[in-house]
C-alpha cells in the first residue's frame, strides 16, 4: 500500500519526476541566503554531500551528480550553554525522563 503524499508536500526537483521528496539539502543563492532542494530517494545525493551547502549552479541531483565544490561544514557550536528553565515535567535533551530507556 502506498501512503499518499500530503497536499503541499515538496516533490522531487529532478526534471519530470513525480515522486514525493524524501531527502533535502541546501543551495546558496546569494550571500547569506540558502534555499532547500528536495528529491526522492531515486534522485538523492549522498548523505555526506547533503550535509554541505551547494552552489546555486550545482547540477545535483542530475545524472552527473554534484558539479560544484560545496561549502565546508561549519564547526558546530552549542546552541545554548546553559539549559533553559523549563516547565514542570519537561526535560532538556541531554536527560531522559524517569523510566526511559
N, C-alpha and C. Protein backbone atom coordinates (compact mmCIF):
# COMPACT_ATOMS: atom_id res chain seq x y z
N UNK A 1 0.84 -1.17 0.00
CA UNK A 1 0.00 0.00 0.00
C UNK A 1 0.89 1.24 0.00
N UNK A 2 0.57 2.20 -0.82
CA UNK A 2 1.32 3.44 -0.92
C UNK A 2 0.66 4.51 -0.07
N UNK A 3 1.48 5.21 0.71
CA UNK A 3 0.95 6.31 1.51
C UNK A 3 0.83 7.53 0.62
N UNK A 4 -0.33 8.17 0.59
CA UNK A 4 -0.50 9.35 -0.27
C UNK A 4 0.37 10.51 0.23
N UNK A 5 0.84 11.30 -0.71
CA UNK A 5 1.64 12.47 -0.38
C UNK A 5 0.71 13.58 0.08
N UNK A 6 0.98 14.18 1.25
CA UNK A 6 0.11 15.26 1.72
C UNK A 6 0.11 16.44 0.75
N UNK A 7 -1.01 17.12 0.64
CA UNK A 7 -1.10 18.30 -0.22
C UNK A 7 -0.09 19.33 0.25
N UNK A 8 0.60 19.95 -0.68
CA UNK A 8 1.59 20.97 -0.34
C UNK A 8 2.95 20.41 0.01
N UNK A 9 3.10 19.07 0.04
CA UNK A 9 4.40 18.48 0.35
C UNK A 9 5.34 18.70 -0.83
N UNK A 10 6.62 18.94 -0.56
CA UNK A 10 7.55 19.16 -1.67
C UNK A 10 7.73 17.90 -2.51
N UNK A 11 7.91 18.10 -3.78
CA UNK A 11 8.17 16.99 -4.68
C UNK A 11 9.63 16.97 -5.08
N UNK A 12 10.01 16.00 -5.84
CA UNK A 12 11.38 15.85 -6.31
C UNK A 12 11.72 16.96 -7.31
N UNK A 13 12.92 17.51 -7.19
CA UNK A 13 13.37 18.58 -8.08
C UNK A 13 13.81 18.05 -9.45
N UNK A 14 14.05 16.75 -9.55
CA UNK A 14 14.51 16.18 -10.82
C UNK A 14 13.45 16.38 -11.90
N UNK A 15 13.90 16.74 -13.08
CA UNK A 15 13.00 17.01 -14.20
C UNK A 15 12.09 15.82 -14.47
N UNK A 16 10.83 16.08 -14.60
CA UNK A 16 9.75 15.13 -14.92
C UNK A 16 9.55 14.03 -13.88
N UNK A 17 10.16 14.14 -12.70
CA UNK A 17 9.94 13.14 -11.64
C UNK A 17 8.73 13.58 -10.82
N UNK A 18 7.81 12.66 -10.62
CA UNK A 18 6.60 12.97 -9.86
C UNK A 18 6.59 12.34 -8.48
N UNK A 19 7.72 11.74 -8.08
CA UNK A 19 7.80 11.10 -6.76
C UNK A 19 7.87 12.16 -5.66
N UNK A 20 7.36 11.83 -4.47
CA UNK A 20 7.47 12.77 -3.35
C UNK A 20 8.92 12.86 -2.86
N UNK A 21 9.26 13.98 -2.29
CA UNK A 21 10.60 14.18 -1.77
C UNK A 21 10.81 13.36 -0.50
N UNK A 22 12.00 12.80 -0.36
CA UNK A 22 12.37 12.06 0.84
C UNK A 22 13.62 12.62 1.49
N UNK A 23 14.40 13.41 0.76
CA UNK A 23 15.64 13.99 1.29
C UNK A 23 15.71 15.47 0.92
N UNK A 24 16.60 16.18 1.63
CA UNK A 24 16.75 17.61 1.40
C UNK A 24 18.21 18.01 1.59
N UNK A 25 18.64 18.99 0.83
CA UNK A 25 19.93 19.65 1.05
C UNK A 25 19.76 21.10 0.67
N UNK A 26 20.83 21.88 0.73
CA UNK A 26 20.69 23.32 0.51
C UNK A 26 21.62 23.82 -0.58
N UNK A 27 21.15 24.87 -1.27
CA UNK A 27 21.95 25.59 -2.26
C UNK A 27 22.01 27.06 -1.86
N UNK A 28 23.17 27.66 -2.05
CA UNK A 28 23.34 29.09 -1.78
C UNK A 28 22.91 29.86 -3.01
N UNK A 29 21.99 30.81 -2.85
CA UNK A 29 21.53 31.62 -3.98
C UNK A 29 22.17 33.00 -3.97
N UNK A 30 22.37 33.55 -2.80
CA UNK A 30 23.01 34.85 -2.61
C UNK A 30 23.81 34.76 -1.33
N UNK A 31 24.77 35.65 -1.12
CA UNK A 31 25.46 35.65 0.17
C UNK A 31 24.44 35.78 1.31
N UNK A 32 24.53 34.89 2.26
CA UNK A 32 23.62 34.94 3.40
C UNK A 32 22.26 34.31 3.16
N UNK A 33 22.01 33.73 1.98
CA UNK A 33 20.70 33.16 1.69
C UNK A 33 20.85 31.78 1.06
N UNK A 34 20.15 30.80 1.61
CA UNK A 34 20.14 29.45 1.05
C UNK A 34 18.69 29.03 0.82
N UNK A 35 18.51 28.11 -0.12
CA UNK A 35 17.19 27.54 -0.39
C UNK A 35 17.28 26.03 -0.26
N UNK A 36 16.18 25.43 0.15
CA UNK A 36 16.13 23.98 0.28
C UNK A 36 15.91 23.34 -1.08
N UNK A 37 16.57 22.22 -1.31
CA UNK A 37 16.42 21.42 -2.52
C UNK A 37 15.91 20.05 -2.07
N UNK A 38 14.84 19.58 -2.68
CA UNK A 38 14.24 18.31 -2.29
C UNK A 38 14.34 17.31 -3.43
N UNK A 39 14.47 16.03 -3.07
CA UNK A 39 14.43 14.99 -4.09
C UNK A 39 13.91 13.69 -3.51
N UNK A 40 13.49 12.82 -4.40
CA UNK A 40 13.04 11.49 -3.98
C UNK A 40 14.27 10.62 -3.74
N UNK A 41 14.06 9.41 -3.25
CA UNK A 41 15.22 8.55 -2.96
C UNK A 41 15.95 8.11 -4.22
N UNK A 42 15.29 8.11 -5.37
CA UNK A 42 15.96 7.72 -6.62
C UNK A 42 16.91 8.81 -7.14
N UNK A 43 16.67 10.06 -6.75
CA UNK A 43 17.46 11.18 -7.25
C UNK A 43 18.27 11.86 -6.14
N UNK A 44 18.39 11.23 -5.01
CA UNK A 44 19.08 11.83 -3.86
C UNK A 44 20.59 11.85 -4.07
N UNK A 45 21.23 12.83 -3.43
CA UNK A 45 22.69 12.86 -3.37
C UNK A 45 23.08 12.13 -2.09
N UNK A 46 24.36 11.91 -1.89
CA UNK A 46 24.80 11.17 -0.71
C UNK A 46 24.55 11.98 0.56
N UNK A 47 24.47 11.29 1.68
CA UNK A 47 24.27 11.94 2.97
C UNK A 47 25.41 12.90 3.26
N UNK A 48 26.64 12.51 2.95
CA UNK A 48 27.79 13.38 3.18
C UNK A 48 27.68 14.64 2.33
N UNK A 49 27.30 14.51 1.08
CA UNK A 49 27.15 15.68 0.20
C UNK A 49 26.01 16.56 0.66
N UNK A 50 24.94 15.97 1.18
CA UNK A 50 23.78 16.75 1.63
C UNK A 50 24.07 17.56 2.89
N UNK A 51 25.13 17.21 3.60
CA UNK A 51 25.49 17.94 4.81
C UNK A 51 26.13 19.29 4.49
N UNK A 52 26.50 19.52 3.24
CA UNK A 52 27.14 20.76 2.81
C UNK A 52 26.14 21.66 2.09
N UNK A 53 26.47 22.93 1.99
CA UNK A 53 25.67 23.86 1.19
C UNK A 53 26.31 23.90 -0.20
N UNK A 54 25.50 23.72 -1.23
CA UNK A 54 25.98 23.65 -2.61
C UNK A 54 25.77 24.97 -3.34
N UNK A 55 26.49 25.14 -4.43
CA UNK A 55 26.35 26.33 -5.27
C UNK A 55 24.99 26.29 -5.97
N UNK A 56 24.45 27.44 -6.28
CA UNK A 56 23.17 27.51 -6.96
C UNK A 56 23.23 26.85 -8.34
N UNK A 57 24.41 26.75 -8.91
CA UNK A 57 24.59 26.14 -10.23
C UNK A 57 24.84 24.64 -10.16
N UNK A 58 24.87 24.06 -8.98
CA UNK A 58 25.15 22.62 -8.83
C UNK A 58 24.08 21.81 -9.55
N UNK A 59 24.49 20.83 -10.34
CA UNK A 59 23.56 20.03 -11.14
C UNK A 59 22.90 18.90 -10.36
N UNK A 60 23.31 18.68 -9.12
CA UNK A 60 22.69 17.61 -8.34
C UNK A 60 21.21 17.91 -8.18
N UNK A 61 20.35 16.94 -8.33
CA UNK A 61 20.54 15.51 -8.38
C UNK A 61 20.61 14.94 -9.79
N UNK A 62 21.07 15.69 -10.75
CA UNK A 62 21.12 15.22 -12.14
C UNK A 62 21.98 13.99 -12.33
N UNK A 63 22.05 13.50 -13.55
CA UNK A 63 22.79 12.26 -13.83
C UNK A 63 24.28 12.37 -13.52
N UNK A 64 24.82 13.58 -13.51
CA UNK A 64 26.24 13.73 -13.19
C UNK A 64 26.48 13.98 -11.71
N UNK A 65 25.41 14.13 -10.94
CA UNK A 65 25.54 14.35 -9.50
C UNK A 65 26.01 15.75 -9.19
N UNK A 66 26.70 15.91 -8.07
CA UNK A 66 27.18 17.21 -7.64
C UNK A 66 28.26 17.71 -8.58
N UNK A 67 28.09 18.94 -9.08
CA UNK A 67 29.06 19.51 -10.02
C UNK A 67 29.71 20.78 -9.47
N UNK A 68 29.63 20.97 -8.16
CA UNK A 68 30.24 22.16 -7.56
C UNK A 68 31.22 21.73 -6.46
N UNK A 69 31.86 22.70 -5.88
CA UNK A 69 32.67 22.44 -4.69
C UNK A 69 31.85 22.97 -3.52
N UNK A 70 31.18 22.08 -2.77
CA UNK A 70 30.31 22.53 -1.69
C UNK A 70 31.08 23.29 -0.62
N UNK A 71 30.37 24.16 0.08
CA UNK A 71 30.97 24.90 1.17
C UNK A 71 31.37 23.93 2.28
N UNK A 72 32.49 24.21 2.96
CA UNK A 72 32.87 23.33 4.07
C UNK A 72 31.83 23.39 5.18
N UNK A 73 31.72 22.31 5.91
CA UNK A 73 30.79 22.25 7.03
C UNK A 73 31.37 23.10 8.15
N UNK A 74 30.55 24.00 8.67
CA UNK A 74 30.98 24.85 9.77
C UNK A 74 31.05 24.03 11.05
N UNK A 75 32.06 24.28 11.88
CA UNK A 75 32.12 23.54 13.16
C UNK A 75 30.88 23.87 13.98
N UNK A 76 30.36 22.86 14.63
CA UNK A 76 29.15 23.10 15.42
C UNK A 76 29.50 23.78 16.73
N UNK A 77 28.61 24.62 17.15
CA UNK A 77 28.76 25.28 18.43
C UNK A 77 27.51 24.99 19.24
N UNK A 78 27.65 24.91 20.53
CA UNK A 78 26.45 24.63 21.33
C UNK A 78 25.40 25.72 21.10
N UNK A 79 24.18 25.30 20.93
CA UNK A 79 23.10 26.25 20.71
C UNK A 79 22.85 27.08 21.96
N UNK A 80 23.03 26.45 23.11
CA UNK A 80 22.79 27.16 24.35
C UNK A 80 23.67 26.50 25.42
N UNK A 81 24.56 27.27 26.02
CA UNK A 81 25.48 26.72 27.02
C UNK A 81 24.75 26.33 28.30
N UNK A 82 23.77 27.09 28.70
CA UNK A 82 23.01 26.82 29.92
C UNK A 82 21.61 26.38 29.53
N UNK A 83 21.16 25.23 30.04
CA UNK A 83 19.81 24.78 29.70
C UNK A 83 18.77 25.81 30.14
N UNK A 84 17.70 25.94 29.38
CA UNK A 84 16.66 26.91 29.74
C UNK A 84 15.85 26.41 30.95
N UNK A 85 15.17 27.30 31.59
CA UNK A 85 14.23 26.90 32.64
C UNK A 85 12.98 26.39 31.95
N UNK A 86 12.67 25.14 32.22
CA UNK A 86 11.52 24.51 31.56
C UNK A 86 10.38 24.33 32.54
N UNK A 87 9.16 24.22 32.03
CA UNK A 87 8.01 23.98 32.91
C UNK A 87 8.13 22.61 33.60
N UNK A 88 7.45 22.41 34.71
CA UNK A 88 7.49 21.10 35.39
C UNK A 88 7.10 19.98 34.42
N UNK A 89 7.83 18.89 34.48
CA UNK A 89 7.55 17.73 33.63
C UNK A 89 8.33 17.72 32.33
N UNK A 90 8.99 18.83 32.00
CA UNK A 90 9.80 18.90 30.78
C UNK A 90 11.25 18.63 31.15
N UNK A 91 12.03 18.09 30.20
CA UNK A 91 13.45 17.83 30.43
C UNK A 91 14.25 18.40 29.29
N UNK A 92 15.52 18.66 29.53
CA UNK A 92 16.40 19.10 28.46
C UNK A 92 16.78 17.90 27.62
N UNK A 93 17.19 18.07 26.37
CA UNK A 93 17.53 16.92 25.51
C UNK A 93 18.64 16.03 26.06
N UNK A 94 19.48 16.55 26.95
CA UNK A 94 20.59 15.76 27.48
C UNK A 94 20.16 14.80 28.57
N UNK A 95 18.95 14.89 29.06
CA UNK A 95 18.49 14.00 30.12
C UNK A 95 17.29 13.21 29.64
N UNK A 96 17.03 12.12 30.31
CA UNK A 96 15.89 11.27 29.95
C UNK A 96 14.85 11.32 31.05
N UNK A 97 13.58 11.21 30.69
CA UNK A 97 12.55 11.14 31.73
C UNK A 97 12.72 9.88 32.55
N UNK A 98 12.21 9.88 33.75
CA UNK A 98 12.30 8.73 34.63
C UNK A 98 11.65 7.52 33.96
N UNK A 99 12.40 6.42 33.97
CA UNK A 99 11.89 5.17 33.39
C UNK A 99 12.16 5.03 31.92
N UNK A 100 12.75 6.04 31.28
CA UNK A 100 13.04 5.94 29.84
C UNK A 100 14.26 5.09 29.64
N UNK A 101 14.31 4.41 28.53
CA UNK A 101 15.45 3.55 28.22
C UNK A 101 16.55 4.34 27.57
